[in-house]
Amino acid sequence: MARFHSGFTCWIEQRLLREDPDDLTEAIGALARTEGLSPQVADHVAAMSGTTSKDVVTTCQGDDTECAGAPETFDRPDLT
């Protein structure tokens, strides 16, 4: 299992059709979060997860939307 536990990464892990000994899922999740998801990577994830590119993009976009508020949460001065 990946150490980068975004919703997108977990979604990929749940659908993998093969082993992931090189932590490719973790790398894809981290890159999608920081650099965006290219059409080529979406196609690759779809192939390795037995889904469609549209499913991959929709899931990634939903995860990005869910995490969009995280920086504001950590910037609050009342958090310890």
PDB file of N, CA and C in Angstrom:
ATOM      1  N   MET A   1       0.837  -1.184   0.000  1.00  0.00           N
ATOM      2  CA  MET A   1       0.000   0.000   0.000  1.00  0.00           C
ATOM      3  C   MET A   1       0.882   1.247   0.000  1.00  0.00           C
ATOM      4  N   ALA A   2       0.372   2.273  -0.597  1.00  0.00           N
ATOM      5  CA  ALA A   2       1.121   3.515  -0.701  1.00  0.00           C
ATOM      6  C   ALA A   2       1.166   4.256   0.625  1.00  0.00           C
ATOM      7  N   ARG A   3       2.188   5.077   0.771  1.00  0.00           N
ATOM      8  CA  ARG A   3       2.300   5.913   1.963  1.00  0.00           C
ATOM      9  C   ARG A   3       1.638   7.270   1.749  1.00  0.00           C
ATOM     10  N   PHE A   4       1.394   7.644   0.503  1.00  0.00           N
ATOM     11  CA  PHE A   4       0.736   8.907   0.169  1.00  0.00           C
ATOM     12  C   PHE A   4      -0.761   8.607   0.086  1.00  0.00           C
ATOM     13  N   HIS A   5      -1.453   8.803   1.181  1.00  0.00           N
ATOM     14  CA  HIS A   5      -2.834   8.342   1.258  1.00  0.00           C
ATOM     15  C   HIS A   5      -3.840   9.402   0.856  1.00  0.00           C
ATOM     16  N   SER A   6      -3.794   9.820  -0.402  1.00  0.00           N
ATOM     17  CA  SER A   6      -4.854  10.680  -0.901  1.00  0.00           C
ATOM     18  C   SER A   6      -6.014   9.775  -1.301  1.00  0.00           C
ATOM     19  N   GLY A   7      -7.163  10.363  -1.448  1.00  0.00           N
ATOM     20  CA  GLY A   7      -8.308   9.582  -1.899  1.00  0.00           C
ATOM     21  C   GLY A   7      -8.060   8.974  -3.266  1.00  0.00           C
ATOM     22  N   PHE A   8      -7.375   9.715  -4.127  1.00  0.00           N
ATOM     23  CA  PHE A   8      -7.071   9.230  -5.468  1.00  0.00           C
ATOM     24  C   PHE A   8      -6.138   8.024  -5.412  1.00  0.00           C
ATOM     25  N   THR A   9      -5.098   8.111  -4.592  1.00  0.00           N
ATOM     26  CA  THR A   9      -4.160   6.995  -4.455  1.00  0.00           C
ATOM     27  C   THR A   9      -4.864   5.753  -3.921  1.00  0.00           C
ATOM     28  N   CYS A  10      -5.686   5.921  -2.920  1.00  0.00           N
ATOM     29  CA  CYS A  10      -6.428   4.781  -2.355  1.00  0.00           C
ATOM     30  C   CYS A  10      -7.378   4.182  -3.384  1.00  0.00           C
ATOM     31  N   TRP A  11      -8.004   5.032  -4.185  1.00  0.00           N
ATOM     32  CA  TRP A  11      -8.915   4.564  -5.232  1.00  0.00           C
ATOM     33  C   TRP A  11      -8.166   3.682  -6.231  1.00  0.00           C
ATOM     34  N   ILE A  12      -6.968   4.129  -6.633  1.00  0.00           N
ATOM     35  CA  ILE A  12      -6.167   3.315  -7.555  1.00  0.00           C
ATOM     36  C   ILE A  12      -5.817   1.982  -6.903  1.00  0.00           C
ATOM     37  N   GLU A  13      -5.332   2.019  -5.665  1.00  0.00           N
ATOM     38  CA  GLU A  13      -4.917   0.795  -4.982  1.00  0.00           C
ATOM     39  C   GLU A  13      -6.045  -0.225  -4.900  1.00  0.00           C
ATOM     40  N   GLN A  14      -7.241   0.242  -4.671  1.00  0.00           N
ATOM     41  CA  GLN A  14      -8.385  -0.665  -4.545  1.00  0.00           C
ATOM     42  C   GLN A  14      -8.725  -1.351  -5.863  1.00  0.00           C
ATOM     43  N   ARG A  15      -8.279  -0.798  -6.971  1.00  0.00           N
ATOM     44  CA  ARG A  15      -8.634  -1.325  -8.284  1.00  0.00           C
ATOM     45  C   ARG A  15      -7.459  -1.948  -9.049  1.00  0.00           C
ATOM     46  N   LEU A  16      -6.287  -1.968  -8.469  1.00  0.00           N
ATOM     47  CA  LEU A  16      -5.117  -2.488  -9.183  1.00  0.00           C
ATOM     48  C   LEU A  16      -5.340  -3.908  -9.679  1.00  0.00           C
ATOM     49  N   LEU A  17      -4.916  -4.132 -10.891  1.00  0.00           N
ATOM     50  CA  LEU A  17      -5.025  -5.451 -11.498  1.00  0.00           C
ATOM     51  C   LEU A  17      -3.710  -6.221 -11.421  1.00  0.00           C
ATOM     52  N   ARG A  18      -2.690  -5.585 -10.846  1.00  0.00           N
ATOM     53  CA  ARG A  18      -1.371  -6.228 -10.737  1.00  0.00           C
ATOM     54  C   ARG A  18      -0.685  -5.721  -9.475  1.00  0.00           C
ATOM     55  N   GLU A  19       0.413  -6.340  -9.129  1.00  0.00           N
ATOM     56  CA  GLU A  19       1.208  -5.905  -7.980  1.00  0.00           C
ATOM     57  C   GLU A  19       1.862  -4.560  -8.287  1.00  0.00           C
ATOM     58  N   ASP A  20       2.196  -3.822  -7.248  1.00  0.00           N
ATOM     59  CA  ASP A  20       2.818  -2.505  -7.403  1.00  0.00           C
ATOM     60  C   ASP A  20       4.100  -2.447  -6.568  1.00  0.00           C
ATOM     61  N   PRO A  21       5.099  -3.284  -6.904  1.00  0.00           N
ATOM     62  CA  PRO A  21       6.307  -3.356  -6.074  1.00  0.00           C
ATOM     63  C   PRO A  21       7.146  -2.088  -6.083  1.00  0.00           C
ATOM     64  N   ASP A  22       7.009  -1.255  -7.101  1.00  0.00           N
ATOM     65  CA  ASP A  22       7.822  -0.038  -7.202  1.00  0.00           C
ATOM     66  C   ASP A  22       7.106   1.191  -6.663  1.00  0.00           C
ATOM     67  N   ASP A  23       5.974   0.997  -5.987  1.00  0.00           N
ATOM     68  CA  ASP A  23       5.182   2.115  -5.459  1.00  0.00           C
ATOM     69  C   ASP A  23       4.811   3.112  -6.542  1.00  0.00           C
ATOM     70  N   LEU A  24       4.508   2.610  -7.729  1.00  0.00           N
ATOM     71  CA  LEU A  24       4.095   3.473  -8.829  1.00  0.00           C
ATOM     72  C   LEU A  24       2.821   4.232  -8.468  1.00  0.00           C
ATOM     73  N   THR A  25       1.934   3.587  -7.739  1.00  0.00           N
ATOM     74  CA  THR A  25       0.689   4.236  -7.337  1.00  0.00           C
ATOM     75  C   THR A  25       0.970   5.462  -6.489  1.00  0.00           C
ATOM     76  N   GLU A  26       1.903   5.347  -5.575  1.00  0.00           N
ATOM     77  CA  GLU A  26       2.267   6.484  -4.732  1.00  0.00           C
ATOM     78  C   GLU A  26       2.817   7.632  -5.580  1.00  0.00           C
ATOM     79  N   ALA A  27       3.663   7.312  -6.522  1.00  0.00           N
ATOM     80  CA  ALA A  27       4.246   8.335  -7.388  1.00  0.00           C
ATOM     81  C   ALA A  27       3.168   9.015  -8.229  1.00  0.00           C
ATOM     82  N   ILE A  28       2.256   8.236  -8.775  1.00  0.00           N
ATOM     83  CA  ILE A  28       1.179   8.802  -9.583  1.00  0.00           C
ATOM     84  C   ILE A  28       0.315   9.730  -8.738  1.00  0.00           C
ATOM     85  N   GLY A  29      -0.033   9.291  -7.534  1.00  0.00           N
ATOM     86  CA  GLY A  29      -0.851  10.120  -6.652  1.00  0.00           C
ATOM     87  C   GLY A  29      -0.171  11.430  -6.299  1.00  0.00           C
ATOM     88  N   ALA A  30       1.098  11.359  -5.975  1.00  0.00           N
ATOM     89  CA  ALA A  30       1.842  12.573  -5.612  1.00  0.00           C
ATOM     90  C   ALA A  30       1.976  13.510  -6.802  1.00  0.00           C
ATOM     91  N   LEU A  31       2.289  12.970  -7.969  1.00  0.00           N
ATOM     92  CA  LEU A  31       2.423  13.805  -9.159  1.00  0.00           C
ATOM     93  C   LEU A  31       1.091  14.412  -9.582  1.00  0.00           C
ATOM     94  N   ALA A  32       0.028  13.639  -9.474  1.00  0.00           N
ATOM     95  CA  ALA A  32      -1.291  14.174  -9.832  1.00  0.00           C
ATOM     96  C   ALA A  32      -1.648  15.346  -8.929  1.00  0.00           C
ATOM     97  N   ARG A  33      -1.295  15.235  -7.647  1.00  0.00           N
ATOM     98  CA  ARG A  33      -1.611  16.299  -6.695  1.00  0.00           C
ATOM     99  C   ARG A  33      -0.775  17.546  -6.949  1.00  0.00           C
ATOM    100  N   THR A  34       0.495  17.370  -7.309  1.00  0.00           N
ATOM    101  CA  THR A  34       1.386  18.521  -7.446  1.00  0.00           C
ATOM    102  C   THR A  34       1.490  19.067  -8.864  1.00  0.00           C
ATOM    103  N   GLU A  35       1.422  18.189  -9.863  1.00  0.00           N
ATOM    104  CA  GLU A  35       1.640  18.603 -11.251  1.00  0.00           C
ATOM    105  C   GLU A  35       0.404  18.497 -12.127  1.00  0.00           C
ATOM    106  N   GLY A  36      -0.625  17.841 -11.639  1.00  0.00           N
ATOM    107  CA  GLY A  36      -1.813  17.593 -12.458  1.00  0.00           C
ATOM    108  C   GLY A  36      -1.731  16.229 -13.111  1.00  0.00           C
ATOM    109  N   LEU A  37      -2.808  15.835 -13.717  1.00  0.00           N
ATOM    110  CA  LEU A  37      -2.906  14.508 -14.325  1.00  0.00           C
ATOM    111  C   LEU A  37      -2.930  14.651 -15.841  1.00  0.00           C
ATOM    112  N   SER A  38      -1.875  14.183 -16.492  1.00  0.00           N
ATOM    113  CA  SER A  38      -1.817  14.273 -17.951  1.00  0.00           C
ATOM    114  C   SER A  38      -2.713  13.194 -18.566  1.00  0.00           C
ATOM    115  N   PRO A  39      -3.136  13.384 -19.807  1.00  0.00           N
ATOM    116  CA  PRO A  39      -3.944  12.355 -20.473  1.00  0.00           C
ATOM    117  C   PRO A  39      -3.220  11.011 -20.567  1.00  0.00           C
ATOM    118  N   GLN A  40      -1.897  11.054 -20.762  1.00  0.00           N
ATOM    119  CA  GLN A  40      -1.131   9.811 -20.860  1.00  0.00           C
ATOM    120  C   GLN A  40      -1.133   9.056 -19.533  1.00  0.00           C
ATOM    121  N   VAL A  41      -0.969   9.781 -18.440  1.00  0.00           N
ATOM    122  CA  VAL A  41      -0.974   9.135 -17.125  1.00  0.00           C
ATOM    123  C   VAL A  41      -2.369   8.621 -16.809  1.00  0.00           C
ATOM    124  N   ALA A  42      -3.389   9.381 -17.157  1.00  0.00           N
ATOM    125  CA  ALA A  42      -4.772   8.925 -16.942  1.00  0.00           C
ATOM    126  C   ALA A  42      -5.015   7.624 -17.703  1.00  0.00           C
ATOM    127  N   ASP A  43      -4.536   7.535 -18.943  1.00  0.00           N
ATOM    128  CA  ASP A  43      -4.672   6.302 -19.725  1.00  0.00           C
ATOM    129  C   ASP A  43      -3.935   5.149 -19.068  1.00  0.00           C
ATOM    130  N   HIS A  44      -2.728   5.412 -18.556  1.00  0.00           N
ATOM    131  CA  HIS A  44      -1.931   4.372 -17.897  1.00  0.00           C
ATOM    132  C   HIS A  44      -2.638   3.872 -16.630  1.00  0.00           C
ATOM    133  N   VAL A  45      -3.137   4.795 -15.819  1.00  0.00           N
ATOM    134  CA  VAL A  45      -3.842   4.411 -14.592  1.00  0.00           C
ATOM    135  C   VAL A  45      -5.092   3.611 -14.940  1.00  0.00           C
ATOM    136  N   ALA A  46      -5.800   4.016 -15.992  1.00  0.00           N
ATOM    137  CA  ALA A  46      -6.987   3.282 -16.418  1.00  0.00           C
ATOM    138  C   ALA A  46      -6.633   1.845 -16.802  1.00  0.00           C
ATOM    139  N   ALA A  47      -5.534   1.684 -17.527  1.00  0.00           N
ATOM    140  CA  ALA A  47      -5.111   0.343 -17.940  1.00  0.00           C
ATOM    141  C   ALA A  47      -4.713  -0.516 -16.755  1.00  0.00           C
ATOM    142  N   MET A  48      -4.007   0.070 -15.782  1.00  0.00           N
ATOM    143  CA  MET A  48      -3.552  -0.741 -14.647  1.00  0.00           C
ATOM    144  C   MET A  48      -4.647  -0.972 -13.612  1.00  0.00           C
ATOM    145  N   SER A  49      -5.748  -0.212 -13.708  1.00  0.00           N
ATOM    146  CA  SER A  49      -6.806  -0.364 -12.720  1.00  0.00           C
ATOM    147  C   SER A  49      -8.089  -0.954 -13.297  1.00  0.00           C
ATOM    148  N   GLY A  50      -8.099  -1.228 -14.594  1.00  0.00           N
ATOM    149  CA  GLY A  50      -9.278  -1.826 -15.207  1.00  0.00           C
ATOM    150  C   GLY A  50     -10.469  -0.875 -15.252  1.00  0.00           C
ATOM    151  N   THR A  51     -10.191   0.413 -15.359  1.00  0.00           N
ATOM    152  CA  THR A  51     -11.242   1.420 -15.430  1.00  0.00           C
ATOM    153  C   THR A  51     -11.081   2.215 -16.715  1.00  0.00           C
ATOM    154  N   THR A  52     -11.781   3.316 -16.825  1.00  0.00           N
ATOM    155  CA  THR A  52     -11.643   4.174 -17.996  1.00  0.00           C
ATOM    156  C   THR A  52     -10.878   5.440 -17.620  1.00  0.00           C
ATOM    157  N   SER A  53     -10.335   6.091 -18.627  1.00  0.00           N
ATOM    158  CA  SER A  53      -9.638   7.360 -18.390  1.00  0.00           C
ATOM    159  C   SER A  53     -10.588   8.383 -17.776  1.00  0.00           C
ATOM    160  N   LYS A  54     -11.836   8.363 -18.198  1.00  0.00           N
ATOM    161  CA  LYS A  54     -12.828   9.286 -17.649  1.00  0.00           C
ATOM    162  C   LYS A  54     -13.024   9.034 -16.156  1.00  0.00           C
ATOM    163  N   ASP A  55     -13.090   7.749 -15.747  1.00  0.00           N
ATOM    164  CA  ASP A  55     -13.206   7.421 -14.322  1.00  0.00           C
ATOM    165  C   ASP A  55     -12.010   7.955 -13.542  1.00  0.00           C
ATOM    166  N   VAL A  56     -10.824   7.792 -14.103  1.00  0.00           N
ATOM    167  CA  VAL A  56      -9.592   8.233 -13.449  1.00  0.00           C
ATOM    168  C   VAL A  56      -9.599   9.751 -13.271  1.00  0.00           C
ATOM    169  N   VAL A  57      -9.914  10.474 -14.333  1.00  0.00           N
ATOM    170  CA  VAL A  57      -9.924  11.939 -14.276  1.00  0.00           C
ATOM    171  C   VAL A  57     -10.988  12.430 -13.290  1.00  0.00           C
ATOM    172  N   THR A  58     -12.161  11.841 -13.331  1.00  0.00           N
ATOM    173  CA  THR A  58     -13.239  12.239 -12.421  1.00  0.00           C
ATOM    174  C   THR A  58     -12.842  12.027 -10.972  1.00  0.00           C
ATOM    175  N   THR A  59     -12.224  10.897 -10.676  1.00  0.00           N
ATOM    176  CA  THR A  59     -11.797  10.609  -9.307  1.00  0.00           C
ATOM    177  C   THR A  59     -10.701  11.561  -8.865  1.00  0.00           C
ATOM    178  N   CYS A  60      -9.745  11.810  -9.727  1.00  0.00           N
ATOM    179  CA  CYS A  60      -8.650  12.723  -9.397  1.00  0.00           C
ATOM    180  C   CYS A  60      -9.179  14.130  -9.150  1.00  0.00           C
ATOM    181  N   GLN A  61     -10.083  14.592 -10.000  1.00  0.00           N
ATOM    182  CA  GLN A  61     -10.650  15.938  -9.827  1.00  0.00           C
ATOM    183  C   GLN A  61     -11.447  16.024  -8.527  1.00  0.00           C
ATOM    184  N   GLY A  62     -12.186  14.978  -8.196  1.00  0.00           N
ATOM    185  CA  GLY A  62     -12.944  14.969  -6.947  1.00  0.00           C
ATOM    186  C   GLY A  62     -12.028  15.025  -5.746  1.00  0.00           C
ATOM    187  N   ASP A  63     -10.911  14.319  -5.813  1.00  0.00           N
ATOM    188  CA  ASP A  63      -9.946  14.339  -4.709  1.00  0.00           C
ATOM    189  C   ASP A  63      -9.308  15.717  -4.582  1.00  0.00           C
ATOM    190  N   ASP A  64      -9.002  16.350  -5.713  1.00  0.00           N
ATOM    191  CA  ASP A  64      -8.436  17.696  -5.685  1.00  0.00           C
ATOM    192  C   ASP A  64      -9.407  18.682  -5.038  1.00  0.00           C
ATOM    193  N   THR A  65     -10.681  18.562  -5.365  1.00  0.00           N
ATOM    194  CA  THR A  65     -11.703  19.445  -4.797  1.00  0.00           C
ATOM    195  C   THR A  65     -11.817  19.230  -3.296  1.00  0.00           C
ATOM    196  N   GLU A  66     -11.797  17.977  -2.875  1.00  0.00           N
ATOM    197  CA  GLU A  66     -11.910  17.643  -1.455  1.00  0.00           C
ATOM    198  C   GLU A  66     -10.731  18.186  -0.660  1.00  0.00           C
ATOM    199  N   CYS A  67      -9.547  18.167  -1.253  1.00  0.00           N
ATOM    200  CA  CYS A  67      -8.340  18.598  -0.541  1.00  0.00           C
ATOM    201  C   CYS A  67      -8.042  20.080  -0.709  1.00  0.00           C
ATOM    202  N   ALA A  68      -8.814  20.788  -1.504  1.00  0.00           N
ATOM    203  CA  ALA A  68      -8.529  22.194  -1.781  1.00  0.00           C
ATOM    204  C   ALA A  68      -8.559  23.053  -0.523  1.00  0.00           C
ATOM    205  N   GLY A  69      -9.352  22.690   0.466  1.00  0.00           N
ATOM    206  CA  GLY A  69      -9.444  23.477   1.687  1.00  0.00           C
ATOM    207  C   GLY A  69      -8.388  23.169   2.719  1.00  0.00           C
ATOM    208  N   ALA A  70      -7.552  22.194   2.486  1.00  0.00           N
ATOM    209  CA  ALA A  70      -6.555  21.782   3.481  1.00  0.00           C
ATOM    210  C   ALA A  70      -5.576  22.888   3.856  1.00  0.00           C
ATOM    211  N   PRO A  71      -5.016  23.660   2.923  1.00  0.00           N
ATOM    212  CA  PRO A  71      -4.061  24.703   3.328  1.00  0.00           C
ATOM    213  C   PRO A  71      -4.667  25.729   4.291  1.00  0.00           C
ATOM    214  N   GLU A  72      -5.912  26.109   4.057  1.00  0.00           N
ATOM    215  CA  GLU A  72      -6.555  27.072   4.941  1.00  0.00           C
ATOM    216  C   GLU A  72      -6.715  26.505   6.348  1.00  0.00           C
ATOM    217  N   THR A  73      -6.981  25.222   6.425  1.00  0.00           N
ATOM    218  CA  THR A  73      -7.125  24.578   7.734  1.00  0.00           C
ATOM    219  C   THR A  73      -5.821  24.652   8.512  1.00  0.00           C
ATOM    220  N   PHE A  74      -4.704  24.393   7.854  1.00  0.00           N
ATOM    221  CA  PHE A  74      -3.420  24.394   8.537  1.00  0.00           C
ATOM    222  C   PHE A  74      -2.908  25.799   8.846  1.00  0.00           C
ATOM    223  N   ASP A  75      -3.455  26.799   8.195  1.00  0.00           N
ATOM    224  CA  ASP A  75      -3.037  28.189   8.433  1.00  0.00           C
ATOM    225  C   ASP A  75      -3.762  28.826   9.614  1.00  0.00           C
ATOM    226  N   ARG A  76      -4.708  28.129  10.193  1.00  0.00           N
ATOM    227  CA  ARG A  76      -5.468  28.708  11.303  1.00  0.00           C
ATOM    228  C   ARG A  76      -4.563  28.833  12.534  1.00  0.00           C
ATOM    229  N   PRO A  77      -4.522  30.022  13.148  1.00  0.00           N
ATOM    230  CA  PRO A  77      -3.628  30.236  14.298  1.00  0.00           C
ATOM    231  C   PRO A  77      -4.087  29.532  15.570  1.00  0.00           C
ATOM    232  N   ASP A  78      -5.348  29.106  15.627  1.00  0.00           N
ATOM    233  CA  ASP A  78      -5.844  28.463  16.844  1.00  0.00           C
ATOM    234  C   ASP A  78      -5.552  26.956  16.886  1.00  0.00           C
ATOM    235  N   LEU A  79      -4.947  26.412  15.838  1.00  0.00           N
ATOM    236  CA  LEU A  79      -4.598  24.983  15.836  1.00  0.00           C
ATOM    237  C   LEU A  79      -3.293  24.767  16.600  1.00  0.00           C
ATOM    238  N   THR A  80      -3.242  23.735  17.365  1.00  0.00           N
ATOM    239  CA  THR A  80      -2.007  23.405  18.072  1.00  0.00           C
ATOM    240  C   THR A  80      -1.453  22.091  17.606  1.00  0.00           C
TER     241      THR A  80
END
